[in-house]
Amino acid sequence: MAEFLDVFQPFNKTPTDPAASKPLLAKLLQQEAELEFTSFNADDARDLGLTILAESPKAKTPDAPGVRPIVVHVSINGNLQFYCAQDGTNADNYGWIQRKANTVTRFGHSSIYMGSTCLARGLDFNQKNLLPEYEYVGVGGGFPLRVKGVAQSVGVVAVSGLPHEMDHELVTRGIKKYLESKK
């Protein structure tokens, strides 16, 4: 996680110049290219969701004491296949999940990639794309599910409950672990 968060540092609060954004944007696109499945079905969705839950932080995060509960959402072609909201989550987490999933579905890229490309140019994601903030968001936690040989993503995995950079890191770590278990 430290490697990803180190690359992400320029984007924490303020826009930066496009040259400084290249390492992060390249890392995000590399993750999308590398984290592909050979196939993906409802059983995979369930197992991926459970893998992500097992990988979730069990200790305090930098900005809050105690265990941080999460929500995990996995859908295939818009059909919800797995959803788990741990005790301590609330309707706000559901809203974040929906907004992240909507962004991934619309653009075919991770929600953090979409937000970071705008932020790197000093633009607001929602304003640039003329999208309502209550339906779309350009922060970490939503990731496309890709199958090798299929042009478009086949689904979305999304996490909410941690700081958004950590939501993204948890999703990618969970996908990587799941893919390694299938070898």
N, C-alpha and C. Protein backbone atom coordinates (compact mmCIF):
# COMPACT_ATOMS: atom_id res chain seq x y z
N MET A 1 0.83 -1.19 0.00
CA MET A 1 0.00 0.00 0.00
C MET A 1 0.86 1.25 0.00
N ALA A 2 1.95 1.25 0.72
CA ALA A 2 2.78 2.45 0.80
C ALA A 2 3.23 2.90 -0.58
N GLU A 3 3.54 1.96 -1.47
CA GLU A 3 4.00 2.32 -2.80
C GLU A 3 2.93 3.13 -3.53
N PHE A 4 1.69 2.68 -3.50
CA PHE A 4 0.63 3.40 -4.18
C PHE A 4 0.38 4.75 -3.50
N LEU A 5 0.30 4.76 -2.19
CA LEU A 5 0.02 6.01 -1.49
C LEU A 5 1.15 7.02 -1.68
N ASP A 6 2.39 6.56 -1.81
CA ASP A 6 3.49 7.48 -2.08
C ASP A 6 3.31 8.16 -3.43
N VAL A 7 2.90 7.41 -4.43
CA VAL A 7 2.67 7.97 -5.76
C VAL A 7 1.49 8.93 -5.72
N PHE A 8 0.52 8.64 -4.85
CA PHE A 8 -0.70 9.44 -4.79
C PHE A 8 -0.50 10.77 -4.07
N GLN A 9 0.54 10.93 -3.28
CA GLN A 9 0.71 12.12 -2.43
C GLN A 9 0.46 13.46 -3.12
N PRO A 10 0.88 13.69 -4.36
CA PRO A 10 0.65 15.01 -4.95
C PRO A 10 -0.82 15.37 -5.09
N PHE A 11 -1.72 14.40 -5.00
CA PHE A 11 -3.13 14.65 -5.25
C PHE A 11 -3.97 14.77 -3.99
N ASN A 12 -3.36 14.72 -2.84
CA ASN A 12 -4.15 14.68 -1.62
C ASN A 12 -5.12 15.84 -1.47
N LYS A 13 -4.71 17.03 -1.70
CA LYS A 13 -5.59 18.17 -1.44
C LYS A 13 -5.72 19.15 -2.59
N THR A 14 -4.66 19.37 -3.32
CA THR A 14 -4.67 20.44 -4.31
C THR A 14 -4.31 19.94 -5.69
N PRO A 15 -4.79 20.62 -6.72
CA PRO A 15 -4.40 20.23 -8.07
C PRO A 15 -2.90 20.39 -8.26
N THR A 16 -2.37 19.64 -9.17
CA THR A 16 -0.94 19.73 -9.46
C THR A 16 -0.78 19.83 -10.98
N ASP A 17 0.43 20.01 -11.43
CA ASP A 17 0.63 20.13 -12.87
C ASP A 17 0.63 18.74 -13.52
N PRO A 18 0.32 18.66 -14.80
CA PRO A 18 0.24 17.36 -15.49
C PRO A 18 1.53 16.55 -15.42
N ALA A 19 2.69 17.19 -15.42
CA ALA A 19 3.95 16.45 -15.36
C ALA A 19 4.07 15.68 -14.05
N ALA A 20 3.64 16.29 -12.95
CA ALA A 20 3.73 15.63 -11.65
C ALA A 20 2.73 14.48 -11.54
N SER A 21 1.70 14.49 -12.36
CA SER A 21 0.67 13.47 -12.28
C SER A 21 1.02 12.20 -13.05
N LYS A 22 2.02 12.26 -13.91
CA LYS A 22 2.33 11.11 -14.77
C LYS A 22 2.57 9.81 -14.01
N PRO A 23 3.35 9.80 -12.92
CA PRO A 23 3.57 8.52 -12.22
C PRO A 23 2.26 7.90 -11.70
N LEU A 24 1.40 8.71 -11.12
CA LEU A 24 0.14 8.18 -10.60
C LEU A 24 -0.75 7.68 -11.73
N LEU A 25 -0.94 8.47 -12.76
CA LEU A 25 -1.82 8.07 -13.85
C LEU A 25 -1.30 6.82 -14.54
N ALA A 26 0.01 6.73 -14.72
CA ALA A 26 0.60 5.54 -15.33
C ALA A 26 0.38 4.32 -14.44
N LYS A 27 0.53 4.48 -13.14
CA LYS A 27 0.33 3.37 -12.19
C LYS A 27 -1.12 2.90 -12.24
N LEU A 28 -2.05 3.82 -12.29
CA LEU A 28 -3.47 3.47 -12.33
C LEU A 28 -3.82 2.70 -13.60
N LEU A 29 -3.32 3.16 -14.74
CA LEU A 29 -3.58 2.45 -16.00
C LEU A 29 -2.90 1.09 -16.01
N GLN A 30 -1.72 1.00 -15.43
CA GLN A 30 -1.01 -0.28 -15.33
C GLN A 30 -1.82 -1.26 -14.50
N GLN A 31 -2.39 -0.80 -13.40
CA GLN A 31 -3.23 -1.68 -12.57
C GLN A 31 -4.40 -2.22 -13.37
N GLU A 32 -5.05 -1.36 -14.12
CA GLU A 32 -6.20 -1.79 -14.92
C GLU A 32 -5.79 -2.85 -15.94
N ALA A 33 -4.62 -2.66 -16.54
CA ALA A 33 -4.14 -3.62 -17.56
C ALA A 33 -3.73 -4.95 -16.93
N GLU A 34 -3.13 -4.91 -15.77
CA GLU A 34 -2.63 -6.12 -15.13
C GLU A 34 -3.69 -6.92 -14.41
N LEU A 35 -4.68 -6.26 -13.85
CA LEU A 35 -5.67 -6.94 -13.03
C LEU A 35 -6.87 -7.39 -13.87
N GLU A 36 -6.59 -8.32 -14.79
CA GLU A 36 -7.61 -8.87 -15.68
C GLU A 36 -7.88 -10.32 -15.32
N PHE A 37 -9.10 -10.72 -15.53
CA PHE A 37 -9.55 -12.08 -15.27
C PHE A 37 -9.56 -12.86 -16.58
N THR A 38 -9.48 -14.19 -16.50
CA THR A 38 -9.65 -15.02 -17.70
C THR A 38 -11.13 -15.21 -17.99
N SER A 39 -11.95 -15.15 -16.95
CA SER A 39 -13.41 -15.17 -17.06
C SER A 39 -13.94 -14.58 -15.75
N PHE A 40 -15.21 -14.24 -15.73
CA PHE A 40 -15.76 -13.68 -14.50
C PHE A 40 -17.25 -13.98 -14.46
N ASN A 41 -17.69 -14.67 -13.38
CA ASN A 41 -19.10 -15.01 -13.23
C ASN A 41 -19.55 -14.72 -11.80
N ALA A 42 -20.78 -15.12 -11.47
CA ALA A 42 -21.34 -14.83 -10.15
C ALA A 42 -20.52 -15.46 -9.02
N ASP A 43 -20.00 -16.66 -9.24
CA ASP A 43 -19.16 -17.28 -8.21
C ASP A 43 -17.89 -16.47 -7.99
N ASP A 44 -17.30 -15.97 -9.08
CA ASP A 44 -16.11 -15.12 -8.96
C ASP A 44 -16.45 -13.83 -8.19
N ALA A 45 -17.61 -13.26 -8.48
CA ALA A 45 -18.03 -12.03 -7.80
C ALA A 45 -18.12 -12.26 -6.29
N ARG A 46 -18.76 -13.35 -5.89
CA ARG A 46 -18.88 -13.68 -4.46
C ARG A 46 -17.49 -13.87 -3.85
N ASP A 47 -16.66 -14.68 -4.50
CA ASP A 47 -15.34 -14.98 -3.95
C ASP A 47 -14.44 -13.74 -3.91
N LEU A 48 -14.55 -12.88 -4.92
CA LEU A 48 -13.78 -11.63 -4.91
C LEU A 48 -14.24 -10.75 -3.76
N GLY A 49 -15.54 -10.62 -3.59
CA GLY A 49 -16.07 -9.82 -2.49
C GLY A 49 -15.58 -10.31 -1.13
N LEU A 50 -15.59 -11.62 -0.94
CA LEU A 50 -15.12 -12.19 0.32
C LEU A 50 -13.62 -11.99 0.50
N THR A 51 -12.86 -12.06 -0.59
CA THR A 51 -11.42 -11.81 -0.52
C THR A 51 -11.15 -10.37 -0.08
N ILE A 52 -11.88 -9.43 -0.65
CA ILE A 52 -11.70 -8.02 -0.28
C ILE A 52 -12.05 -7.81 1.19
N LEU A 53 -13.13 -8.42 1.65
CA LEU A 53 -13.49 -8.30 3.07
C LEU A 53 -12.38 -8.85 3.96
N ALA A 54 -11.80 -9.97 3.56
CA ALA A 54 -10.72 -10.57 4.35
C ALA A 54 -9.47 -9.70 4.37
N GLU A 55 -9.27 -8.90 3.32
CA GLU A 55 -8.10 -8.03 3.22
C GLU A 55 -8.31 -6.68 3.90
N SER A 56 -9.51 -6.38 4.34
CA SER A 56 -9.79 -5.04 4.88
C SER A 56 -9.00 -4.81 6.16
N PRO A 57 -8.63 -3.56 6.39
CA PRO A 57 -7.82 -3.23 7.57
C PRO A 57 -8.54 -3.60 8.86
N LYS A 58 -7.79 -4.19 9.76
CA LYS A 58 -8.36 -4.58 11.05
C LYS A 58 -7.92 -3.64 12.17
N ALA A 59 -7.19 -2.60 11.83
CA ALA A 59 -6.70 -1.66 12.82
C ALA A 59 -7.07 -0.25 12.41
N LYS A 60 -6.71 0.69 13.25
CA LYS A 60 -7.06 2.08 12.96
C LYS A 60 -6.36 2.59 11.71
N THR A 61 -6.98 3.56 11.07
CA THR A 61 -6.40 4.20 9.90
C THR A 61 -5.80 5.53 10.34
N PRO A 62 -5.01 6.17 9.48
CA PRO A 62 -4.35 7.41 9.90
C PRO A 62 -5.29 8.50 10.38
N ASP A 63 -6.50 8.54 9.84
CA ASP A 63 -7.38 9.65 10.19
C ASP A 63 -8.47 9.30 11.21
N ALA A 64 -8.53 8.05 11.68
CA ALA A 64 -9.58 7.69 12.63
C ALA A 64 -9.15 6.50 13.47
N PRO A 65 -9.44 6.55 14.76
CA PRO A 65 -9.11 5.42 15.63
C PRO A 65 -10.11 4.28 15.43
N GLY A 66 -9.70 3.09 15.81
CA GLY A 66 -10.60 1.95 15.78
C GLY A 66 -10.70 1.31 14.41
N VAL A 67 -11.40 0.21 14.35
CA VAL A 67 -11.59 -0.52 13.11
C VAL A 67 -12.54 0.27 12.21
N ARG A 68 -12.22 0.33 10.93
CA ARG A 68 -13.06 1.03 9.97
C ARG A 68 -13.89 0.03 9.19
N PRO A 69 -15.19 -0.01 9.39
CA PRO A 69 -16.03 -0.93 8.62
C PRO A 69 -16.14 -0.48 7.17
N ILE A 70 -16.33 -1.44 6.28
CA ILE A 70 -16.41 -1.14 4.86
C ILE A 70 -17.66 -1.75 4.25
N VAL A 71 -17.97 -1.27 3.06
CA VAL A 71 -19.00 -1.84 2.21
C VAL A 71 -18.30 -2.31 0.94
N VAL A 72 -18.65 -3.51 0.48
CA VAL A 72 -18.09 -4.06 -0.76
C VAL A 72 -19.24 -4.36 -1.71
N HIS A 73 -19.08 -3.94 -2.96
CA HIS A 73 -20.08 -4.11 -4.02
C HIS A 73 -19.37 -4.72 -5.22
N VAL A 74 -19.96 -5.79 -5.78
CA VAL A 74 -19.44 -6.37 -7.02
C VAL A 74 -20.63 -6.60 -7.94
N SER A 75 -20.55 -6.04 -9.14
CA SER A 75 -21.64 -6.22 -10.11
C SER A 75 -21.08 -6.68 -11.44
N ILE A 76 -21.93 -7.38 -12.19
CA ILE A 76 -21.60 -7.83 -13.55
C ILE A 76 -22.65 -7.25 -14.48
N ASN A 77 -22.18 -6.47 -15.46
CA ASN A 77 -23.10 -5.84 -16.43
C ASN A 77 -24.29 -5.17 -15.76
N GLY A 78 -24.03 -4.46 -14.69
CA GLY A 78 -25.07 -3.72 -13.99
C GLY A 78 -25.91 -4.53 -13.02
N ASN A 79 -25.70 -5.83 -12.95
CA ASN A 79 -26.45 -6.69 -12.03
C ASN A 79 -25.63 -6.94 -10.78
N LEU A 80 -26.16 -6.54 -9.63
CA LEU A 80 -25.46 -6.72 -8.37
C LEU A 80 -25.31 -8.21 -8.06
N GLN A 81 -24.08 -8.64 -7.84
CA GLN A 81 -23.78 -10.05 -7.57
C GLN A 81 -23.34 -10.27 -6.13
N PHE A 82 -22.70 -9.26 -5.53
CA PHE A 82 -22.22 -9.38 -4.15
C PHE A 82 -22.31 -8.01 -3.51
N TYR A 83 -22.82 -8.00 -2.28
CA TYR A 83 -22.89 -6.75 -1.52
C TYR A 83 -22.80 -7.11 -0.05
N CYS A 84 -21.88 -6.48 0.65
CA CYS A 84 -21.76 -6.68 2.08
C CYS A 84 -21.46 -5.34 2.73
N ALA A 85 -22.30 -4.97 3.69
CA ALA A 85 -22.09 -3.77 4.48
C ALA A 85 -21.79 -4.21 5.90
N GLN A 86 -20.57 -4.03 6.34
CA GLN A 86 -20.19 -4.44 7.68
C GLN A 86 -20.89 -3.59 8.72
N ASP A 87 -21.05 -4.15 9.91
CA ASP A 87 -21.63 -3.38 11.02
C ASP A 87 -20.84 -2.10 11.21
N GLY A 88 -21.56 -1.00 11.34
CA GLY A 88 -20.92 0.30 11.51
C GLY A 88 -20.94 1.15 10.26
N THR A 89 -21.31 0.57 9.12
CA THR A 89 -21.46 1.38 7.91
C THR A 89 -22.85 1.98 7.92
N ASN A 90 -23.10 2.89 6.98
CA ASN A 90 -24.40 3.54 6.95
C ASN A 90 -24.80 3.87 5.51
N ALA A 91 -25.91 4.57 5.36
CA ALA A 91 -26.43 4.90 4.03
C ALA A 91 -25.46 5.76 3.23
N ASP A 92 -24.63 6.54 3.91
CA ASP A 92 -23.63 7.33 3.18
C ASP A 92 -22.68 6.43 2.40
N ASN A 93 -22.27 5.31 3.02
CA ASN A 93 -21.39 4.37 2.32
C ASN A 93 -22.08 3.82 1.08
N TYR A 94 -23.36 3.51 1.17
CA TYR A 94 -24.11 3.03 0.01
C TYR A 94 -24.09 4.08 -1.10
N GLY A 95 -24.27 5.34 -0.73
CA GLY A 95 -24.24 6.42 -1.72
C GLY A 95 -22.89 6.53 -2.40
N TRP A 96 -21.82 6.43 -1.62
CA TRP A 96 -20.47 6.48 -2.21
C TRP A 96 -20.25 5.32 -3.17
N ILE A 97 -20.69 4.12 -2.77
CA ILE A 97 -20.56 2.94 -3.64
C ILE A 97 -21.24 3.18 -4.97
N GLN A 98 -22.47 3.67 -4.92
CA GLN A 98 -23.24 3.90 -6.15
C GLN A 98 -22.54 4.91 -7.06
N ARG A 99 -22.05 5.99 -6.47
CA ARG A 99 -21.40 7.04 -7.26
C ARG A 99 -20.11 6.53 -7.89
N LYS A 100 -19.32 5.76 -7.13
CA LYS A 100 -18.08 5.19 -7.67
C LYS A 100 -18.40 4.20 -8.79
N ALA A 101 -19.38 3.33 -8.57
CA ALA A 101 -19.77 2.34 -9.58
C ALA A 101 -20.29 3.03 -10.84
N ASN A 102 -21.07 4.09 -10.68
CA ASN A 102 -21.58 4.83 -11.85
C ASN A 102 -20.43 5.41 -12.68
N THR A 103 -19.42 5.93 -12.00
CA THR A 103 -18.27 6.51 -12.70
C THR A 103 -17.52 5.45 -13.50
N VAL A 104 -17.27 4.30 -12.87
CA VAL A 104 -16.56 3.22 -13.56
C VAL A 104 -17.37 2.72 -14.74
N THR A 105 -18.66 2.53 -14.54
CA THR A 105 -19.53 2.04 -15.61
C THR A 105 -19.54 3.00 -16.79
N ARG A 106 -19.62 4.27 -16.52
CA ARG A 106 -19.70 5.26 -17.60
C ARG A 106 -18.40 5.40 -18.38
N PHE A 107 -17.27 5.40 -17.67
CA PHE A 107 -15.99 5.71 -18.32
C PHE A 107 -15.10 4.49 -18.57
N GLY A 108 -15.38 3.37 -17.92
CA GLY A 108 -14.57 2.18 -18.13
C GLY A 108 -13.21 2.20 -17.47
N HIS A 109 -12.99 3.16 -16.60
CA HIS A 109 -11.73 3.28 -15.86
C HIS A 109 -12.05 3.39 -14.37
N SER A 110 -11.02 3.20 -13.55
CA SER A 110 -11.23 3.33 -12.11
C SER A 110 -11.69 4.74 -11.77
N SER A 111 -12.46 4.83 -10.72
CA SER A 111 -12.99 6.14 -10.31
C SER A 111 -11.86 7.09 -9.90
N ILE A 112 -10.80 6.56 -9.33
CA ILE A 112 -9.67 7.42 -8.93
C ILE A 112 -8.91 7.90 -10.17
N TYR A 113 -8.81 7.07 -11.19
CA TYR A 113 -8.15 7.50 -12.42
C TYR A 113 -8.93 8.67 -13.04
N MET A 114 -10.23 8.54 -13.11
CA MET A 114 -11.04 9.61 -13.71
C MET A 114 -10.91 10.91 -12.94
N GLY A 115 -10.96 10.84 -11.62
CA GLY A 115 -10.82 12.05 -10.82
C GLY A 115 -9.42 12.63 -10.90
N SER A 116 -8.42 11.76 -10.90
CA SER A 116 -7.02 12.22 -10.92
C SER A 116 -6.65 12.88 -12.23
N THR A 117 -7.20 12.39 -13.36
CA THR A 117 -6.89 13.04 -14.64
C THR A 117 -7.41 14.47 -14.65
N CYS A 118 -8.55 14.67 -14.04
CA CYS A 118 -9.09 16.04 -13.97
C CYS A 118 -8.29 16.89 -12.99
N LEU A 119 -8.06 16.34 -11.82
CA LEU A 119 -7.33 17.08 -10.78
C LEU A 119 -5.95 17.49 -11.26
N ALA A 120 -5.30 16.64 -12.03
CA ALA A 120 -3.96 16.96 -12.55
C ALA A 120 -3.98 18.20 -13.44
N ARG A 121 -5.11 18.48 -14.04
CA ARG A 121 -5.24 19.65 -14.91
C ARG A 121 -5.95 20.81 -14.22
N GLY A 122 -6.15 20.65 -12.91
CA GLY A 122 -6.82 21.71 -12.15
C GLY A 122 -8.31 21.79 -12.39
N LEU A 123 -8.91 20.70 -12.84
CA LEU A 123 -10.34 20.68 -13.16
C LEU A 123 -11.12 19.86 -12.13
N ASP A 124 -12.36 20.22 -11.94
CA ASP A 124 -13.27 19.46 -11.11
C ASP A 124 -13.89 18.35 -11.96
N PHE A 125 -13.83 17.11 -11.51
CA PHE A 125 -14.33 15.97 -12.27
C PHE A 125 -15.79 16.16 -12.69
N ASN A 126 -16.64 16.50 -11.77
CA ASN A 126 -18.07 16.62 -12.10
C ASN A 126 -18.35 17.78 -13.04
N GLN A 127 -17.71 18.91 -12.82
CA GLN A 127 -17.93 20.06 -13.70
C GLN A 127 -17.40 19.80 -15.10
N LYS A 128 -16.21 19.22 -15.20
CA LYS A 128 -15.62 18.96 -16.51
C LYS A 128 -16.51 18.04 -17.34
N ASN A 129 -17.07 17.02 -16.71
CA ASN A 129 -17.88 16.03 -17.41
C ASN A 129 -19.38 16.31 -17.38
N LEU A 130 -19.76 17.46 -16.81
CA LEU A 130 -21.16 17.86 -16.70
C LEU A 130 -22.02 16.77 -16.06
N LEU A 131 -21.50 16.25 -14.94
CA LEU A 131 -22.18 15.16 -14.23
C LEU A 131 -22.61 15.62 -12.85
N PRO A 132 -23.80 15.20 -12.41
CA PRO A 132 -24.26 15.59 -11.07
C PRO A 132 -23.45 14.88 -9.97
N GLU A 133 -23.08 15.63 -8.95
CA GLU A 133 -22.26 15.09 -7.86
C GLU A 133 -22.99 14.00 -7.09
N TYR A 134 -24.29 14.00 -7.10
CA TYR A 134 -25.03 12.97 -6.36
C TYR A 134 -25.12 11.65 -7.12
N GLU A 135 -24.59 11.60 -8.35
CA GLU A 135 -24.59 10.36 -9.13
C GLU A 135 -23.20 9.86 -9.51
N TYR A 136 -22.20 10.74 -9.56
CA TYR A 136 -20.85 10.39 -10.01
C TYR A 136 -19.82 11.03 -9.11
N VAL A 137 -18.67 10.33 -8.96
CA VAL A 137 -17.60 10.88 -8.14
C VAL A 137 -16.25 10.38 -8.69
N GLY A 138 -15.25 11.25 -8.63
CA GLY A 138 -13.92 10.91 -9.11
C GLY A 138 -12.93 10.71 -7.98
N VAL A 139 -13.22 9.75 -7.10
CA VAL A 139 -12.33 9.40 -6.00
C VAL A 139 -12.10 7.90 -6.00
N GLY A 140 -11.17 7.44 -5.19
CA GLY A 140 -10.81 6.03 -5.17
C GLY A 140 -11.85 5.11 -4.58
N GLY A 141 -11.85 3.88 -5.10
CA GLY A 141 -12.72 2.85 -4.55
C GLY A 141 -13.52 2.10 -5.58
N GLY A 142 -13.66 2.62 -6.80
CA GLY A 142 -14.36 1.93 -7.87
C GLY A 142 -13.37 1.45 -8.91
N PHE A 143 -13.52 0.20 -9.34
CA PHE A 143 -12.54 -0.38 -10.27
C PHE A 143 -13.25 -1.25 -11.29
N PRO A 144 -12.82 -1.17 -12.57
CA PRO A 144 -13.46 -1.99 -13.60
C PRO A 144 -13.03 -3.45 -13.52
N LEU A 145 -13.96 -4.34 -13.76
CA LEU A 145 -13.65 -5.77 -13.86
C LEU A 145 -13.48 -6.08 -15.33
N ARG A 146 -12.27 -6.49 -15.68
CA ARG A 146 -11.94 -6.75 -17.08
C ARG A 146 -11.62 -8.22 -17.28
N VAL A 147 -12.04 -8.72 -18.44
CA VAL A 147 -11.74 -10.09 -18.84
C VAL A 147 -10.86 -10.01 -20.08
N LYS A 148 -9.79 -10.79 -20.08
CA LYS A 148 -8.86 -10.80 -21.22
C LYS A 148 -9.62 -11.12 -22.50
N GLY A 149 -9.37 -10.32 -23.53
CA GLY A 149 -10.00 -10.54 -24.82
C GLY A 149 -11.36 -9.88 -24.98
N VAL A 150 -11.88 -9.26 -23.92
CA VAL A 150 -13.16 -8.56 -23.99
C VAL A 150 -12.86 -7.06 -23.98
N ALA A 151 -13.37 -6.36 -24.95
CA ALA A 151 -13.02 -4.95 -25.14
C ALA A 151 -13.45 -4.06 -23.97
N GLN A 152 -14.66 -4.26 -23.47
CA GLN A 152 -15.17 -3.40 -22.40
C GLN A 152 -15.15 -4.15 -21.08
N SER A 153 -15.17 -3.39 -20.00
CA SER A 153 -15.23 -4.05 -18.69
C SER A 153 -16.55 -4.79 -18.56
N VAL A 154 -16.53 -5.87 -17.81
CA VAL A 154 -17.73 -6.70 -17.65
C VAL A 154 -18.46 -6.39 -16.35
N GLY A 155 -17.85 -5.57 -15.52
CA GLY A 155 -18.48 -5.24 -14.25
C GLY A 155 -17.67 -4.24 -13.47
N VAL A 156 -18.07 -4.10 -12.21
CA VAL A 156 -17.47 -3.11 -11.31
C VAL A 156 -17.32 -3.72 -9.93
N VAL A 157 -16.21 -3.42 -9.30
CA VAL A 157 -16.05 -3.69 -7.87
C VAL A 157 -15.82 -2.34 -7.21
N ALA A 158 -16.48 -2.12 -6.08
CA ALA A 158 -16.34 -0.85 -5.37
C ALA A 158 -16.31 -1.08 -3.86
N VAL A 159 -15.55 -0.22 -3.19
CA VAL A 159 -15.42 -0.27 -1.73
C VAL A 159 -15.62 1.13 -1.20
N SER A 160 -16.25 1.21 -0.02
CA SER A 160 -16.41 2.48 0.68
C SER A 160 -16.23 2.24 2.16
N GLY A 161 -15.65 3.23 2.84
CA GLY A 161 -15.51 3.16 4.29
C GLY A 161 -14.18 3.66 4.79
N LEU A 162 -13.16 3.59 3.95
CA LEU A 162 -11.82 4.05 4.29
C LEU A 162 -11.57 5.37 3.57
N PRO A 163 -10.46 6.05 3.87
CA PRO A 163 -10.09 7.17 3.02
C PRO A 163 -10.00 6.67 1.57
N HIS A 164 -10.42 7.48 0.62
CA HIS A 164 -10.62 6.98 -0.74
C HIS A 164 -9.38 6.35 -1.37
N GLU A 165 -8.19 6.83 -1.06
CA GLU A 165 -6.98 6.21 -1.59
C GLU A 165 -6.84 4.78 -1.07
N MET A 166 -7.22 4.58 0.19
CA MET A 166 -7.16 3.25 0.80
C MET A 166 -8.26 2.35 0.26
N ASP A 167 -9.42 2.92 -0.06
CA ASP A 167 -10.48 2.14 -0.72
C ASP A 167 -9.93 1.56 -2.03
N HIS A 168 -9.26 2.39 -2.81
CA HIS A 168 -8.69 1.94 -4.08
C HIS A 168 -7.64 0.86 -3.85
N GLU A 169 -6.75 1.11 -2.91
CA GLU A 169 -5.69 0.15 -2.63
C GLU A 169 -6.27 -1.18 -2.17
N LEU A 170 -7.32 -1.15 -1.37
CA LEU A 170 -7.95 -2.39 -0.90
C LEU A 170 -8.57 -3.17 -2.06
N VAL A 171 -9.23 -2.48 -2.97
CA VAL A 171 -9.82 -3.14 -4.14
C VAL A 171 -8.73 -3.80 -4.98
N THR A 172 -7.68 -3.06 -5.30
CA THR A 172 -6.64 -3.62 -6.17
C THR A 172 -5.88 -4.75 -5.48
N ARG A 173 -5.64 -4.61 -4.20
CA ARG A 173 -4.97 -5.69 -3.45
C ARG A 173 -5.86 -6.93 -3.41
N GLY A 174 -7.18 -6.73 -3.22
CA GLY A 174 -8.11 -7.86 -3.20
C GLY A 174 -8.17 -8.57 -4.55
N ILE A 175 -8.23 -7.80 -5.63
CA ILE A 175 -8.26 -8.42 -6.97
C ILE A 175 -6.96 -9.20 -7.20
N LYS A 176 -5.84 -8.60 -6.86
CA LYS A 176 -4.55 -9.27 -7.06
C LYS A 176 -4.50 -10.57 -6.28
N LYS A 177 -4.91 -10.55 -5.05
CA LYS A 177 -4.89 -11.76 -4.22
C LYS A 177 -5.81 -12.82 -4.80
N TYR A 178 -6.99 -12.41 -5.24
CA TYR A 178 -7.95 -13.36 -5.83
C TYR A 178 -7.37 -13.98 -7.10
N LEU A 179 -6.80 -13.16 -7.96
CA LEU A 179 -6.21 -13.69 -9.20
C LEU A 179 -5.06 -14.66 -8.91
N GLU A 180 -4.25 -14.35 -7.91
CA GLU A 180 -3.16 -15.25 -7.54
C GLU A 180 -3.69 -16.58 -7.02
N SER A 181 -4.83 -16.55 -6.33
CA SER A 181 -5.41 -17.80 -5.80
C SER A 181 -5.96 -18.69 -6.89
N LYS A 182 -6.23 -18.14 -8.06
CA LYS A 182 -6.78 -18.90 -9.19
C LYS A 182 -5.70 -19.55 -10.05
N LYS A 183 -4.43 -19.25 -9.78
CA LYS A 183 -3.34 -19.80 -10.59
C LYS A 183 -3.09 -21.25 -10.25
